[in-house]
């Protein structure tokens, strides 16, 4: 796995501009799977193009209360497969 830093915040978790929202969606043909939709822009670190996963710390929110009564869940780790459409390697960025 690869840790990815924020372009604006580096490794400072307090300066993270991106976030995750708990949601229900479809995954691999199954409906109503609990997941996280993440907004993000990351900068790869050493050996990024050779990894299968990117780890990203993001504040997590649950406005629809899928997990419980809290809106603000806290900071979580999102593991994003680098084979997803949103990941591009080569220019050292993943958006």
PDB file of N, CA and C in Angstrom:
ATOM      1  N   UNK A   1       0.846  -1.175   0.000  1.00  0.00           N
ATOM      2  CA  UNK A   1       0.000   0.000   0.000  1.00  0.00           C
ATOM      3  C   UNK A   1       0.884   1.229   0.000  1.00  0.00           C
ATOM      4  N   UNK A   2       0.357   2.299  -0.499  1.00  0.00           N
ATOM      5  CA  UNK A   2       1.060   3.560  -0.631  1.00  0.00           C
ATOM      6  C   UNK A   2       0.329   4.638   0.143  1.00  0.00           C
ATOM      7  N   UNK A   3       1.075   5.440   0.882  1.00  0.00           N
ATOM      8  CA  UNK A   3       0.461   6.588   1.544  1.00  0.00           C
ATOM      9  C   UNK A   3       0.541   7.761   0.583  1.00  0.00           C
ATOM     10  N   UNK A   4      -0.561   8.465   0.435  1.00  0.00           N
ATOM     11  CA  UNK A   4      -0.591   9.619  -0.467  1.00  0.00           C
ATOM     12  C   UNK A   4      -0.824  10.882   0.335  1.00  0.00           C
ATOM     13  N   UNK A   5      -0.037  11.901   0.077  1.00  0.00           N
ATOM     14  CA  UNK A   5      -0.165  13.168   0.786  1.00  0.00           C
ATOM     15  C   UNK A   5      -0.995  14.159  -0.015  1.00  0.00           C
ATOM     16  N   UNK A   6      -1.611  15.077   0.703  1.00  0.00           N
ATOM     17  CA  UNK A   6      -2.391  16.152   0.096  1.00  0.00           C
ATOM     18  C   UNK A   6      -1.447  17.174  -0.524  1.00  0.00           C
ATOM     19  N   UNK A   7      -1.728  17.675  -1.720  1.00  0.00           N
ATOM     20  CA  UNK A   7      -0.886  18.722  -2.300  1.00  0.00           C
ATOM     21  C   UNK A   7      -0.814  19.965  -1.415  1.00  0.00           C
ATOM     22  N   UNK A   8      -1.927  20.366  -0.791  1.00  0.00           N
ATOM     23  CA  UNK A   8      -1.935  21.579   0.025  1.00  0.00           C
ATOM     24  C   UNK A   8      -1.553  21.315   1.473  1.00  0.00           C
ATOM     25  N   UNK A   9      -1.840  20.098   1.991  1.00  0.00           N
ATOM     26  CA  UNK A   9      -1.664  19.834   3.414  1.00  0.00           C
ATOM     27  C   UNK A   9      -0.480  18.930   3.717  1.00  0.00           C
ATOM     28  N   UNK A  10       0.111  18.303   2.704  1.00  0.00           N
ATOM     29  CA  UNK A  10       1.176  17.352   2.975  1.00  0.00           C
ATOM     30  C   UNK A  10       0.640  16.226   3.830  1.00  0.00           C
ATOM     31  N   UNK A  11       1.345  15.905   4.915  1.00  0.00           N
ATOM     32  CA  UNK A  11       0.891  14.825   5.789  1.00  0.00           C
ATOM     33  C   UNK A  11       0.157  15.356   7.013  1.00  0.00           C
ATOM     34  N   UNK A  12      -0.225  16.640   7.031  1.00  0.00           N
ATOM     35  CA  UNK A  12      -0.930  17.262   8.150  1.00  0.00           C
ATOM     36  C   UNK A  12      -2.415  16.927   8.085  1.00  0.00           C
ATOM     37  N   UNK A  13      -2.878  16.021   8.961  1.00  0.00           N
ATOM     38  CA  UNK A  13      -4.286  15.593   8.931  1.00  0.00           C
ATOM     39  C   UNK A  13      -5.243  16.745   9.202  1.00  0.00           C
ATOM     40  N   UNK A  14      -4.813  17.750   9.948  1.00  0.00           N
ATOM     41  CA  UNK A  14      -5.678  18.886  10.252  1.00  0.00           C
ATOM     42  C   UNK A  14      -5.934  19.789   9.067  1.00  0.00           C
ATOM     43  N   UNK A  15      -5.107  19.713   8.035  1.00  0.00           N
ATOM     44  CA  UNK A  15      -5.265  20.580   6.873  1.00  0.00           C
ATOM     45  C   UNK A  15      -5.883  19.895   5.670  1.00  0.00           C
ATOM     46  N   UNK A  16      -6.525  18.768   5.878  1.00  0.00           N
ATOM     47  CA  UNK A  16      -7.087  17.998   4.768  1.00  0.00           C
ATOM     48  C   UNK A  16      -8.321  18.706   4.192  1.00  0.00           C
ATOM     49  N   UNK A  17      -8.290  19.109   2.910  1.00  0.00           N
ATOM     50  CA  UNK A  17      -9.458  19.756   2.315  1.00  0.00           C
ATOM     51  C   UNK A  17     -10.494  18.755   1.795  1.00  0.00           C
ATOM     52  N   UNK A  18     -10.097  17.508   1.586  1.00  0.00           N
ATOM     53  CA  UNK A  18     -10.998  16.500   1.032  1.00  0.00           C
ATOM     54  C   UNK A  18     -11.828  15.865   2.141  1.00  0.00           C
ATOM     55  N   UNK A  19     -12.853  15.090   1.745  1.00  0.00           N
ATOM     56  CA  UNK A  19     -13.711  14.458   2.741  1.00  0.00           C
ATOM     57  C   UNK A  19     -14.385  13.226   2.153  1.00  0.00           C
ATOM     58  N   UNK A  20     -14.956  12.413   3.022  1.00  0.00           N
ATOM     59  CA  UNK A  20     -15.717  11.239   2.625  1.00  0.00           C
ATOM     60  C   UNK A  20     -17.129  11.330   3.160  1.00  0.00           C
ATOM     61  N   UNK A  21     -18.081  10.802   2.400  1.00  0.00           N
ATOM     62  CA  UNK A  21     -19.485  10.760   2.796  1.00  0.00           C
ATOM     63  C   UNK A  21     -19.931   9.298   2.796  1.00  0.00           C
ATOM     64  N   UNK A  22     -20.495   8.841   3.917  1.00  0.00           N
ATOM     65  CA  UNK A  22     -21.042   7.481   3.985  1.00  0.00           C
ATOM     66  C   UNK A  22     -22.257   7.421   3.058  1.00  0.00           C
ATOM     67  N   UNK A  23     -22.347   6.344   2.286  1.00  0.00           N
ATOM     68  CA  UNK A  23     -23.452   6.229   1.331  1.00  0.00           C
ATOM     69  C   UNK A  23     -23.846   4.774   1.151  1.00  0.00           C
ATOM     70  N   UNK A  24     -24.995   4.568   0.531  1.00  0.00           N
ATOM     71  CA  UNK A  24     -25.423   3.254   0.076  1.00  0.00           C
ATOM     72  C   UNK A  24     -25.310   3.246  -1.437  1.00  0.00           C
ATOM     73  N   UNK A  25     -24.796   2.161  -1.974  1.00  0.00           N
ATOM     74  CA  UNK A  25     -24.640   2.100  -3.418  1.00  0.00           C
ATOM     75  C   UNK A  25     -24.575   0.664  -3.902  1.00  0.00           C
ATOM     76  N   UNK A  26     -24.269   0.525  -5.164  1.00  0.00           N
ATOM     77  CA  UNK A  26     -24.120  -0.793  -5.759  1.00  0.00           C
ATOM     78  C   UNK A  26     -22.639  -1.102  -5.904  1.00  0.00           C
ATOM     79  N   UNK A  27     -22.256  -2.312  -5.552  1.00  0.00           N
ATOM     80  CA  UNK A  27     -20.850  -2.718  -5.665  1.00  0.00           C
ATOM     81  C   UNK A  27     -20.814  -4.164  -6.129  1.00  0.00           C
ATOM     82  N   UNK A  28     -20.190  -4.389  -7.266  1.00  0.00           N
ATOM     83  CA  UNK A  28     -20.038  -5.723  -7.846  1.00  0.00           C
ATOM     84  C   UNK A  28     -21.377  -6.453  -7.942  1.00  0.00           C
ATOM     85  N   UNK A  29     -22.411  -5.721  -8.383  1.00  0.00           N
ATOM     86  CA  UNK A  29     -23.728  -6.301  -8.612  1.00  0.00           C
ATOM     87  C   UNK A  29     -24.622  -6.378  -7.386  1.00  0.00           C
ATOM     88  N   UNK A  30     -24.101  -6.025  -6.214  1.00  0.00           N
ATOM     89  CA  UNK A  30     -24.911  -6.054  -4.993  1.00  0.00           C
ATOM     90  C   UNK A  30     -25.440  -4.659  -4.713  1.00  0.00           C
ATOM     91  N   UNK A  31     -26.714  -4.576  -4.307  1.00  0.00           N
ATOM     92  CA  UNK A  31     -27.356  -3.291  -4.011  1.00  0.00           C
ATOM     93  C   UNK A  31     -27.279  -2.982  -2.523  1.00  0.00           C
ATOM     94  N   UNK A  32     -27.416  -1.703  -2.200  1.00  0.00           N
ATOM     95  CA  UNK A  32     -27.452  -1.219  -0.816  1.00  0.00           C
ATOM     96  C   UNK A  32     -26.221  -1.622  -0.008  1.00  0.00           C
ATOM     97  N   UNK A  33     -25.069  -1.541  -0.639  1.00  0.00           N
ATOM     98  CA  UNK A  33     -23.803  -1.795   0.043  1.00  0.00           C
ATOM     99  C   UNK A  33     -23.341  -0.478   0.673  1.00  0.00           C
ATOM    100  N   UNK A  34     -22.964  -0.528   1.945  1.00  0.00           N
ATOM    101  CA  UNK A  34     -22.459   0.671   2.619  1.00  0.00           C
ATOM    102  C   UNK A  34     -21.049   0.956   2.115  1.00  0.00           C
ATOM    103  N   UNK A  35     -20.817   2.212   1.743  1.00  0.00           N
ATOM    104  CA  UNK A  35     -19.507   2.607   1.241  1.00  0.00           C
ATOM    105  C   UNK A  35     -19.225   4.056   1.573  1.00  0.00           C
ATOM    106  N   UNK A  36     -18.153   4.554   0.997  1.00  0.00           N
ATOM    107  CA  UNK A  36     -17.750   5.948   1.195  1.00  0.00           C
ATOM    108  C   UNK A  36     -17.471   6.563  -0.166  1.00  0.00           C
ATOM    109  N   UNK A  37     -18.072   7.701  -0.427  1.00  0.00           N
ATOM    110  CA  UNK A  37     -17.720   8.492  -1.618  1.00  0.00           C
ATOM    111  C   UNK A  37     -16.703   9.523  -1.151  1.00  0.00           C
ATOM    112  N   UNK A  38     -15.564   9.557  -1.831  1.00  0.00           N
ATOM    113  CA  UNK A  38     -14.457  10.399  -1.383  1.00  0.00           C
ATOM    114  C   UNK A  38     -14.134  11.457  -2.431  1.00  0.00           C
ATOM    115  N   UNK A  39     -13.991  12.696  -1.979  1.00  0.00           N
ATOM    116  CA  UNK A  39     -13.450  13.745  -2.838  1.00  0.00           C
ATOM    117  C   UNK A  39     -11.974  13.827  -2.501  1.00  0.00           C
ATOM    118  N   UNK A  40     -11.130  13.861  -3.510  1.00  0.00           N
ATOM    119  CA  UNK A  40      -9.709  13.846  -3.194  1.00  0.00           C
ATOM    120  C   UNK A  40      -8.838  14.231  -4.377  1.00  0.00           C
ATOM    121  N   UNK A  41      -7.687  14.731  -4.021  1.00  0.00           N
ATOM    122  CA  UNK A  41      -6.606  14.961  -4.978  1.00  0.00           C
ATOM    123  C   UNK A  41      -5.328  14.640  -4.225  1.00  0.00           C
ATOM    124  N   UNK A  42      -4.596  13.687  -4.703  1.00  0.00           N
ATOM    125  CA  UNK A  42      -3.424  13.200  -3.985  1.00  0.00           C
ATOM    126  C   UNK A  42      -2.170  13.326  -4.819  1.00  0.00           C
ATOM    127  N   UNK A  43      -1.069  13.343  -4.112  1.00  0.00           N
ATOM    128  CA  UNK A  43       0.249  13.323  -4.739  1.00  0.00           C
ATOM    129  C   UNK A  43       0.928  12.028  -4.319  1.00  0.00           C
ATOM    130  N   UNK A  44       1.347  11.260  -5.293  1.00  0.00           N
ATOM    131  CA  UNK A  44       2.044  10.011  -4.980  1.00  0.00           C
ATOM    132  C   UNK A  44       3.386  10.287  -4.325  1.00  0.00           C
ATOM    133  N   UNK A  45       3.827   9.316  -3.547  1.00  0.00           N
ATOM    134  CA  UNK A  45       5.181   9.349  -3.030  1.00  0.00           C
ATOM    135  C   UNK A  45       5.959   8.226  -3.699  1.00  0.00           C
ATOM    136  N   UNK A  46       7.161   7.991  -3.280  1.00  0.00           N
ATOM    137  CA  UNK A  46       8.068   7.028  -3.904  1.00  0.00           C
ATOM    138  C   UNK A  46       7.374   5.713  -4.247  1.00  0.00           C
ATOM    139  N   UNK A  47       7.597   5.236  -5.455  1.00  0.00           N
ATOM    140  CA  UNK A  47       7.091   3.967  -5.986  1.00  0.00           C
ATOM    141  C   UNK A  47       5.582   3.932  -6.173  1.00  0.00           C
ATOM    142  N   UNK A  48       4.940   5.061  -6.230  1.00  0.00           N
ATOM    143  CA  UNK A  48       3.497   5.124  -6.410  1.00  0.00           C
ATOM    144  C   UNK A  48       2.963   4.328  -7.580  1.00  0.00           C
ATOM    145  N   UNK A  49       3.553   4.421  -8.765  1.00  0.00           N
ATOM    146  CA  UNK A  49       3.013   3.687  -9.916  1.00  0.00           C
ATOM    147  C   UNK A  49       3.070   2.173  -9.762  1.00  0.00           C
ATOM    148  N   UNK A  50       3.828   1.678  -8.769  1.00  0.00           N
ATOM    149  CA  UNK A  50       3.957   0.234  -8.582  1.00  0.00           C
ATOM    150  C   UNK A  50       3.007  -0.330  -7.536  1.00  0.00           C
ATOM    151  N   UNK A  51       2.087   0.448  -7.039  1.00  0.00           N
ATOM    152  CA  UNK A  51       1.195   0.025  -5.965  1.00  0.00           C
ATOM    153  C   UNK A  51      -0.203  -0.316  -6.471  1.00  0.00           C
ATOM    154  N   UNK A  52      -0.879  -1.175  -5.697  1.00  0.00           N
ATOM    155  CA  UNK A  52      -2.255  -1.565  -6.005  1.00  0.00           C
ATOM    156  C   UNK A  52      -3.270  -0.718  -5.255  1.00  0.00           C
ATOM    157  N   UNK A  53      -2.862  -0.120  -4.123  1.00  0.00           N
ATOM    158  CA  UNK A  53      -3.750   0.680  -3.285  1.00  0.00           C
ATOM    159  C   UNK A  53      -3.111   2.005  -2.927  1.00  0.00           C
ATOM    160  N   UNK A  54      -3.951   3.024  -2.797  1.00  0.00           N
ATOM    161  CA  UNK A  54      -3.537   4.312  -2.273  1.00  0.00           C
ATOM    162  C   UNK A  54      -4.300   4.502  -0.965  1.00  0.00           C
ATOM    163  N   UNK A  55      -3.594   4.823   0.111  1.00  0.00           N
ATOM    164  CA  UNK A  55      -4.234   5.094   1.396  1.00  0.00           C
ATOM    165  C   UNK A  55      -4.380   6.595   1.574  1.00  0.00           C
ATOM    166  N   UNK A  56      -5.564   7.042   1.917  1.00  0.00           N
ATOM    167  CA  UNK A  56      -5.826   8.467   2.063  1.00  0.00           C
ATOM    168  C   UNK A  56      -6.619   8.737   3.339  1.00  0.00           C
ATOM    169  N   UNK A  57      -6.101   9.632   4.186  1.00  0.00           N
ATOM    170  CA  UNK A  57      -6.831  10.046   5.388  1.00  0.00           C
ATOM    171  C   UNK A  57      -7.827  11.120   4.998  1.00  0.00           C
ATOM    172  N   UNK A  58      -9.087  10.911   5.358  1.00  0.00           N
ATOM    173  CA  UNK A  58     -10.111  11.916   5.055  1.00  0.00           C
ATOM    174  C   UNK A  58     -11.085  12.033   6.223  1.00  0.00           C
ATOM    175  N   UNK A  59     -11.574  13.252   6.500  1.00  0.00           N
ATOM    176  CA  UNK A  59     -12.666  13.395   7.457  1.00  0.00           C
ATOM    177  C   UNK A  59     -13.900  12.705   6.875  1.00  0.00           C
ATOM    178  N   UNK A  60     -14.626  11.979   7.719  1.00  0.00           N
ATOM    179  CA  UNK A  60     -15.779  11.207   7.259  1.00  0.00           C
ATOM    180  C   UNK A  60     -17.060  11.762   7.874  1.00  0.00           C
ATOM    181  N   UNK A  61     -18.067  11.955   7.027  1.00  0.00           N
ATOM    182  CA  UNK A  61     -19.366  12.478   7.455  1.00  0.00           C
ATOM    183  C   UNK A  61     -20.476  11.499   7.070  1.00  0.00           C
ATOM    184  N   UNK A  62     -21.523  11.468   7.889  1.00  0.00           N
ATOM    185  CA  UNK A  62     -22.665  10.589   7.663  1.00  0.00           C
ATOM    186  C   UNK A  62     -23.959  11.404   7.785  1.00  0.00           C
ATOM    187  N   UNK A  63     -24.228  12.291   6.802  1.00  0.00           N
ATOM    188  CA  UNK A  63     -25.399  13.171   6.908  1.00  0.00           C
ATOM    189  C   UNK A  63     -26.734  12.424   6.859  1.00  0.00           C
ATOM    190  N   UNK A  64     -26.766  11.229   6.279  1.00  0.00           N
ATOM    191  CA  UNK A  64     -28.004  10.446   6.205  1.00  0.00           C
ATOM    192  C   UNK A  64     -28.128   9.455   7.362  1.00  0.00           C
ATOM    193  N   UNK A  65     -27.185   9.484   8.284  1.00  0.00           N
ATOM    194  CA  UNK A  65     -27.195   8.632   9.483  1.00  0.00           C
ATOM    195  C   UNK A  65     -27.304   7.147   9.152  1.00  0.00           C
ATOM    196  N   UNK A  66     -26.538   6.707   8.186  1.00  0.00           N
ATOM    197  CA  UNK A  66     -26.506   5.290   7.802  1.00  0.00           C
ATOM    198  C   UNK A  66     -25.826   4.462   8.893  1.00  0.00           C
ATOM    199  N   UNK A  67     -24.798   5.028   9.516  1.00  0.00           N
ATOM    200  CA  UNK A  67     -24.051   4.304  10.551  1.00  0.00           C
ATOM    201  C   UNK A  67     -24.569   4.550  11.962  1.00  0.00           C
ATOM    202  N   UNK A  68     -25.321   5.609  12.152  1.00  0.00           N
ATOM    203  CA  UNK A  68     -25.801   5.951  13.489  1.00  0.00           C
ATOM    204  C   UNK A  68     -26.272   7.394  13.519  1.00  0.00           C
ATOM    205  N   UNK A  69     -26.265   8.016  14.683  1.00  0.00           N
ATOM    206  CA  UNK A  69     -26.812   9.361  14.839  1.00  0.00           C
ATOM    207  C   UNK A  69     -25.809  10.485  14.597  1.00  0.00           C
ATOM    208  N   UNK A  70     -24.526  10.188  14.555  1.00  0.00           N
ATOM    209  CA  UNK A  70     -23.517  11.228  14.369  1.00  0.00           C
ATOM    210  C   UNK A  70     -23.404  11.650  12.914  1.00  0.00           C
ATOM    211  N   UNK A  71     -23.251  12.967  12.702  1.00  0.00           N
ATOM    212  CA  UNK A  71     -22.952  13.480  11.361  1.00  0.00           C
ATOM    213  C   UNK A  71     -21.455  13.407  11.084  1.00  0.00           C
ATOM    214  N   UNK A  72     -20.658  13.830  12.060  1.00  0.00           N
ATOM    215  CA  UNK A  72     -19.202  13.896  11.930  1.00  0.00           C
ATOM    216  C   UNK A  72     -18.608  12.638  12.556  1.00  0.00           C
ATOM    217  N   UNK A  73     -18.138  11.722  11.726  1.00  0.00           N
ATOM    218  CA  UNK A  73     -17.624  10.444  12.206  1.00  0.00           C
ATOM    219  C   UNK A  73     -16.177  10.582  12.688  1.00  0.00           C
ATOM    220  N   UNK A  74     -15.399  11.465  12.063  1.00  0.00           N
ATOM    221  CA  UNK A  74     -13.986  11.633  12.401  1.00  0.00           C
ATOM    222  C   UNK A  74     -13.128  11.351  11.185  1.00  0.00           C
ATOM    223  N   UNK A  75     -11.839  11.210  11.403  1.00  0.00           N
ATOM    224  CA  UNK A  75     -10.921  10.937  10.287  1.00  0.00           C
ATOM    225  C   UNK A  75     -10.827   9.429  10.087  1.00  0.00           C
ATOM    226  N   UNK A  76     -10.897   9.001   8.835  1.00  0.00           N
ATOM    227  CA  UNK A  76     -10.802   7.584   8.500  1.00  0.00           C
ATOM    228  C   UNK A  76      -9.756   7.385   7.410  1.00  0.00           C
ATOM    229  N   UNK A  77      -9.414   6.155   7.163  1.00  0.00           N
ATOM    230  CA  UNK A  77      -8.475   5.808   6.104  1.00  0.00           C
ATOM    231  C   UNK A  77      -9.260   5.186   4.958  1.00  0.00           C
ATOM    232  N   UNK A  78      -9.208   5.811   3.803  1.00  0.00           N
ATOM    233  CA  UNK A  78      -9.826   5.259   2.595  1.00  0.00           C
ATOM    234  C   UNK A  78      -8.740   4.539   1.809  1.00  0.00           C
ATOM    235  N   UNK A  79      -8.986   3.307   1.431  1.00  0.00           N
ATOM    236  CA  UNK A  79      -8.064   2.540   0.594  1.00  0.00           C
ATOM    237  C   UNK A  79      -8.645   2.509  -0.815  1.00  0.00           C
ATOM    238  N   UNK A  80      -7.949   3.159  -1.732  1.00  0.00           N
ATOM    239  CA  UNK A  80      -8.442   3.314  -3.097  1.00  0.00           C
ATOM    240  C   UNK A  80      -7.599   2.460  -4.038  1.00  0.00           C
ATOM    241  N   UNK A  81      -8.222   1.502  -4.744  1.00  0.00           N
ATOM    242  CA  UNK A  81      -7.470   0.710  -5.713  1.00  0.00           C
ATOM    243  C   UNK A  81      -6.943   1.617  -6.834  1.00  0.00           C
ATOM    244  N   UNK A  82      -5.684   1.489  -7.166  1.00  0.00           N
ATOM    245  CA  UNK A  82      -5.087   2.344  -8.199  1.00  0.00           C
ATOM    246  C   UNK A  82      -5.592   2.009  -9.598  1.00  0.00           C
ATOM    247  N   UNK A  83      -6.303   0.919  -9.736  1.00  0.00           N
ATOM    248  CA  UNK A  83      -6.863   0.543 -11.047  1.00  0.00           C
ATOM    249  C   UNK A  83      -8.171   1.277 -11.339  1.00  0.00           C
ATOM    250  N   UNK A  84      -8.692   2.053 -10.380  1.00  0.00           N
ATOM    251  CA  UNK A  84      -9.932   2.803 -10.580  1.00  0.00           C
ATOM    252  C   UNK A  84      -9.733   3.893 -11.631  1.00  0.00           C
ATOM    253  N   UNK A  85     -10.825   4.302 -12.276  1.00  0.00           N
ATOM    254  CA  UNK A  85     -10.766   5.360 -13.293  1.00  0.00           C
ATOM    255  C   UNK A  85     -10.155   6.642 -12.757  1.00  0.00           C
ATOM    256  N   UNK A  86     -10.404   6.940 -11.491  1.00  0.00           N
ATOM    257  CA  UNK A  86      -9.964   8.213 -10.919  1.00  0.00           C
ATOM    258  C   UNK A  86      -8.453   8.282 -10.705  1.00  0.00           C
ATOM    259  N   UNK A  87      -7.772   7.169 -10.778  1.00  0.00           N
ATOM    260  CA  UNK A  87      -6.319   7.163 -10.556  1.00  0.00           C
ATOM    261  C   UNK A  87      -5.575   7.157 -11.883  1.00  0.00           C
ATOM    262  N   UNK A  88      -4.695   8.102 -11.976  1.00  0.00           N
ATOM    263  CA  UNK A  88      -3.812   8.165 -13.149  1.00  0.00           C
ATOM    264  C   UNK A  88      -2.389   8.193 -12.640  1.00  0.00           C
ATOM    265  N   UNK A  89      -1.543   7.356 -13.169  1.00  0.00           N
ATOM    266  CA  UNK A  89      -0.149   7.406 -12.760  1.00  0.00           C
ATOM    267  C   UNK A  89       0.695   7.899 -13.923  1.00  0.00           C
ATOM    268  N   UNK A  90       1.883   8.274 -13.600  1.00  0.00           N
ATOM    269  CA  UNK A  90       2.786   8.773 -14.626  1.00  0.00           C
ATOM    270  C   UNK A  90       3.180  10.198 -14.342  1.00  0.00           C
ATOM    271  N   UNK A  91       2.218  11.061 -14.068  1.00  0.00           N
ATOM    272  CA  UNK A  91       2.500  12.452 -13.751  1.00  0.00           C
ATOM    273  C   UNK A  91       2.602  12.664 -12.238  1.00  0.00           C
ATOM    274  N   UNK A  92       2.682  11.575 -11.500  1.00  0.00           N
ATOM    275  CA  UNK A  92       2.797  11.610 -10.041  1.00  0.00           C
ATOM    276  C   UNK A  92       1.586  12.231  -9.366  1.00  0.00           C
ATOM    277  N   UNK A  93       0.412  12.067  -9.973  1.00  0.00           N
ATOM    278  CA  UNK A  93      -0.805  12.566  -9.329  1.00  0.00           C
ATOM    279  C   UNK A  93      -1.900  11.518  -9.424  1.00  0.00           C
ATOM    280  N   UNK A  94      -2.817  11.588  -8.496  1.00  0.00           N
ATOM    281  CA  UNK A  94      -3.997  10.720  -8.495  1.00  0.00           C
ATOM    282  C   UNK A  94      -5.163  11.614  -8.126  1.00  0.00           C
ATOM    283  N   UNK A  95      -6.139  11.803  -9.004  1.00  0.00           N
ATOM    284  CA  UNK A  95      -7.254  12.717  -8.769  1.00  0.00           C
ATOM    285  C   UNK A  95      -8.560  11.979  -8.839  1.00  0.00           C
TER     286      UNK A  95
END
